[in-house]
Amino acid sequence: MPRQPPPGATLAGNSPDELEAQFYEALQRGDLDLMMTVWADDDEIVCVHPGGGRVVGSAAIRASFAAIFANGTVPVQPEQVHRLQWLGGAMHHLVERIEVAGEGGGRQTAWVLATNVYVKAPQGWRMVAHHASPGTLQEAAAPGDAPATLH
């Protein structure tokens, strides 16, 4: 049975960009139900949170976001989105800027490098993978420079 959006929410899915906007809105609001409307209903979906291990399947991904939202919302802003789209699929690589309270009441910025993968499902576009890794100010400020490491 397809997931339904929470009351008052619309189920984005007409394009990968609309779905991505819904994903980041769910993070910013700490809205677990809205978050799960983004994901494909598939046992093979995967999520890697910054510094974390691989989380596979709808139930495990839901539990991981529930744990995150138990600590509050995620004040994230997607930036520098690079898009690749093909028939039935899309991949976005971007920088996530996260503003958090620092010591002494100041603000600190954390940078995360993220890759989001989408597929076109019968009910519209859905996320099948989100991989986020800690980034640096250099990576966020100079996206066109050559990488410092290769793997």
Protein backbone atom coordinates (compact mmCIF):
# COMPACT_ATOMS: atom_id res chain seq x y z
CA MET A 1 0.00 0.00 0.00
CA PRO A 2 1.58 3.35 -1.01
CA ARG A 3 2.42 5.78 1.75
CA GLN A 4 0.18 8.82 2.07
CA PRO A 5 1.45 12.26 3.02
CA PRO A 6 0.57 13.61 6.45
CA PRO A 7 -2.46 15.93 6.65
CA GLY A 8 -1.69 19.27 5.02
CA ALA A 9 1.35 17.93 3.15
CA THR A 10 1.53 17.33 -0.54
CA LEU A 11 3.26 14.32 -1.94
CA ALA A 12 5.96 15.66 -4.22
CA GLY A 13 7.05 13.27 -6.87
CA ASN A 14 6.58 14.92 -10.23
CA SER A 15 10.32 15.50 -10.52
CA PRO A 16 13.50 14.63 -8.62
CA ASP A 17 13.86 18.34 -7.73
CA GLU A 18 10.42 18.44 -6.10
CA LEU A 19 11.12 15.24 -4.21
CA GLU A 20 14.46 16.57 -3.02
CA ALA A 21 12.78 19.74 -1.76
CA GLN A 22 10.36 17.55 0.22
CA PHE A 23 13.28 15.54 1.67
CA TYR A 24 15.01 18.67 2.98
CA GLU A 25 11.73 20.13 4.23
CA ALA A 26 11.16 16.95 6.25
CA LEU A 27 14.65 17.28 7.77
CA GLN A 28 14.09 20.95 8.60
CA ARG A 29 10.69 20.23 10.20
CA GLY A 30 11.69 16.96 11.87
CA ASP A 31 8.66 15.37 10.19
CA LEU A 32 9.07 11.59 10.09
CA ASP A 33 5.86 10.90 8.16
CA LEU A 34 6.74 13.46 5.50
CA MET A 35 10.28 12.04 5.34
CA MET A 36 9.03 8.54 4.67
CA THR A 37 6.76 9.67 1.80
CA VAL A 38 9.97 10.56 -0.07
CA TRP A 39 11.40 7.05 0.04
CA ALA A 40 10.56 4.13 -2.24
CA ASP A 41 8.73 1.34 -0.48
CA ASP A 42 11.44 -1.24 -1.12
CA ASP A 43 13.60 -3.49 1.04
CA GLU A 44 16.72 -2.49 -0.90
CA ILE A 45 16.68 1.29 -0.28
CA VAL A 46 19.76 2.56 1.53
CA CYS A 47 20.78 5.51 3.69
CA VAL A 48 24.19 6.46 5.07
CA HIS A 49 24.16 9.27 7.63
CA PRO A 50 27.35 11.33 8.15
CA GLY A 51 29.86 9.20 10.03
CA GLY A 52 27.38 6.33 10.27
CA GLY A 53 27.01 2.89 8.82
CA ARG A 54 24.75 1.68 6.04
CA VAL A 55 21.03 1.51 6.88
CA VAL A 56 19.03 -0.76 4.54
CA GLY A 57 15.26 -1.07 4.12
CA SER A 58 12.23 1.07 4.92
CA ALA A 59 11.85 0.03 8.55
CA ALA A 60 15.52 0.61 9.38
CA ILE A 61 15.59 3.96 7.58
CA ARG A 62 12.43 5.06 9.39
CA ALA A 63 13.99 4.08 12.73
CA SER A 64 17.20 5.98 11.93
CA PHE A 65 15.34 9.19 11.12
CA ALA A 66 13.10 8.75 14.19
CA ALA A 67 16.26 8.66 16.32
CA ILE A 68 17.61 11.79 14.60
CA PHE A 69 14.32 13.69 14.99
CA ALA A 70 14.13 12.68 18.67
CA ASN A 71 17.00 15.15 19.12
CA GLY A 72 15.23 17.91 17.17
CA THR A 73 15.12 19.16 13.63
CA VAL A 74 18.05 19.32 11.20
CA PRO A 75 18.67 22.94 10.11
CA VAL A 76 20.05 21.95 6.70
CA GLN A 77 20.20 23.94 3.47
CA PRO A 78 21.06 22.15 0.22
CA GLU A 79 23.56 24.01 -1.96
CA GLN A 80 25.60 23.48 -5.13
CA VAL A 81 23.34 20.76 -6.54
CA HIS A 82 24.81 18.87 -9.50
CA ARG A 83 22.18 16.85 -11.35
CA LEU A 84 22.36 13.82 -13.60
CA GLN A 85 19.12 12.40 -14.97
CA TRP A 86 18.37 9.48 -17.27
CA LEU A 87 15.22 7.64 -18.28
CA GLY A 88 13.66 6.44 -15.04
CA GLY A 89 16.46 7.63 -12.74
CA ALA A 90 18.31 10.63 -11.37
CA MET A 91 21.26 11.38 -9.12
CA HIS A 92 21.94 14.64 -7.29
CA HIS A 93 25.26 15.39 -5.64
CA LEU A 94 25.25 18.42 -3.38
CA VAL A 95 26.65 20.19 -0.37
CA GLU A 96 24.48 20.40 2.72
CA ARG A 97 25.08 23.44 4.93
CA ILE A 98 23.99 22.89 8.53
CA GLU A 99 23.89 25.85 10.92
CA VAL A 100 24.10 24.84 14.57
CA ALA A 101 24.51 26.68 17.85
CA GLY A 102 28.15 26.84 18.85
CA GLU A 103 29.87 27.44 22.14
CA GLY A 104 29.11 30.77 23.73
CA GLY A 105 25.85 31.19 21.79
CA GLY A 106 27.51 31.73 18.42
CA ARG A 107 26.68 29.88 15.23
CA GLN A 108 28.79 27.15 13.65
CA THR A 109 28.49 25.79 10.14
CA ALA A 110 28.89 22.11 9.37
CA TRP A 111 29.31 20.90 5.79
CA VAL A 112 28.07 17.56 4.53
CA LEU A 113 28.59 16.08 1.07
CA ALA A 114 25.51 14.19 -0.05
CA THR A 115 24.40 12.03 -2.95
CA ASN A 116 20.69 11.40 -3.47
CA VAL A 117 19.48 8.79 -5.96
CA TYR A 118 15.91 8.71 -7.30
CA VAL A 119 13.90 6.30 -9.43
CA LYS A 120 10.64 6.80 -11.26
CA ALA A 121 8.09 4.50 -9.61
CA PRO A 122 4.43 3.94 -10.51
CA GLN A 123 3.45 6.52 -7.84
CA GLY A 124 6.05 9.08 -9.02
CA TRP A 125 9.67 9.77 -8.26
CA ARG A 126 11.03 8.20 -5.05
CA MET A 127 14.37 8.25 -3.26
CA VAL A 128 16.25 4.95 -3.21
CA ALA A 129 19.57 6.12 -1.73
CA HIS A 130 20.87 8.99 0.41
CA HIS A 131 24.58 8.95 1.23
CA ALA A 132 25.95 11.78 3.37
CA SER A 133 29.56 12.22 4.47
CA PRO A 134 31.21 14.93 6.56
CA GLY A 135 32.69 17.64 4.36
CA THR A 136 35.00 20.59 4.84
CA LEU A 137 34.76 24.32 4.22
CA GLN A 138 37.21 23.88 1.33
CA GLU A 139 34.93 21.35 -0.37
CA ALA A 140 31.93 23.62 0.12
CA ALA A 141 33.66 26.80 -1.06
CA ALA A 142 35.51 25.41 -4.06
CA PRO A 143 33.39 22.73 -5.76
CA GLY A 144 35.28 22.96 -9.06
CA ASP A 145 38.74 22.26 -7.66
CA ALA A 146 40.40 18.88 -8.06
CA PRO A 147 39.77 16.44 -5.21
CA ALA A 148 42.40 16.19 -2.51
CA THR A 149 42.14 12.39 -2.38
CA LEU A 150 41.27 9.64 -4.80
CA HIS A 151 39.74 6.26 -4.09
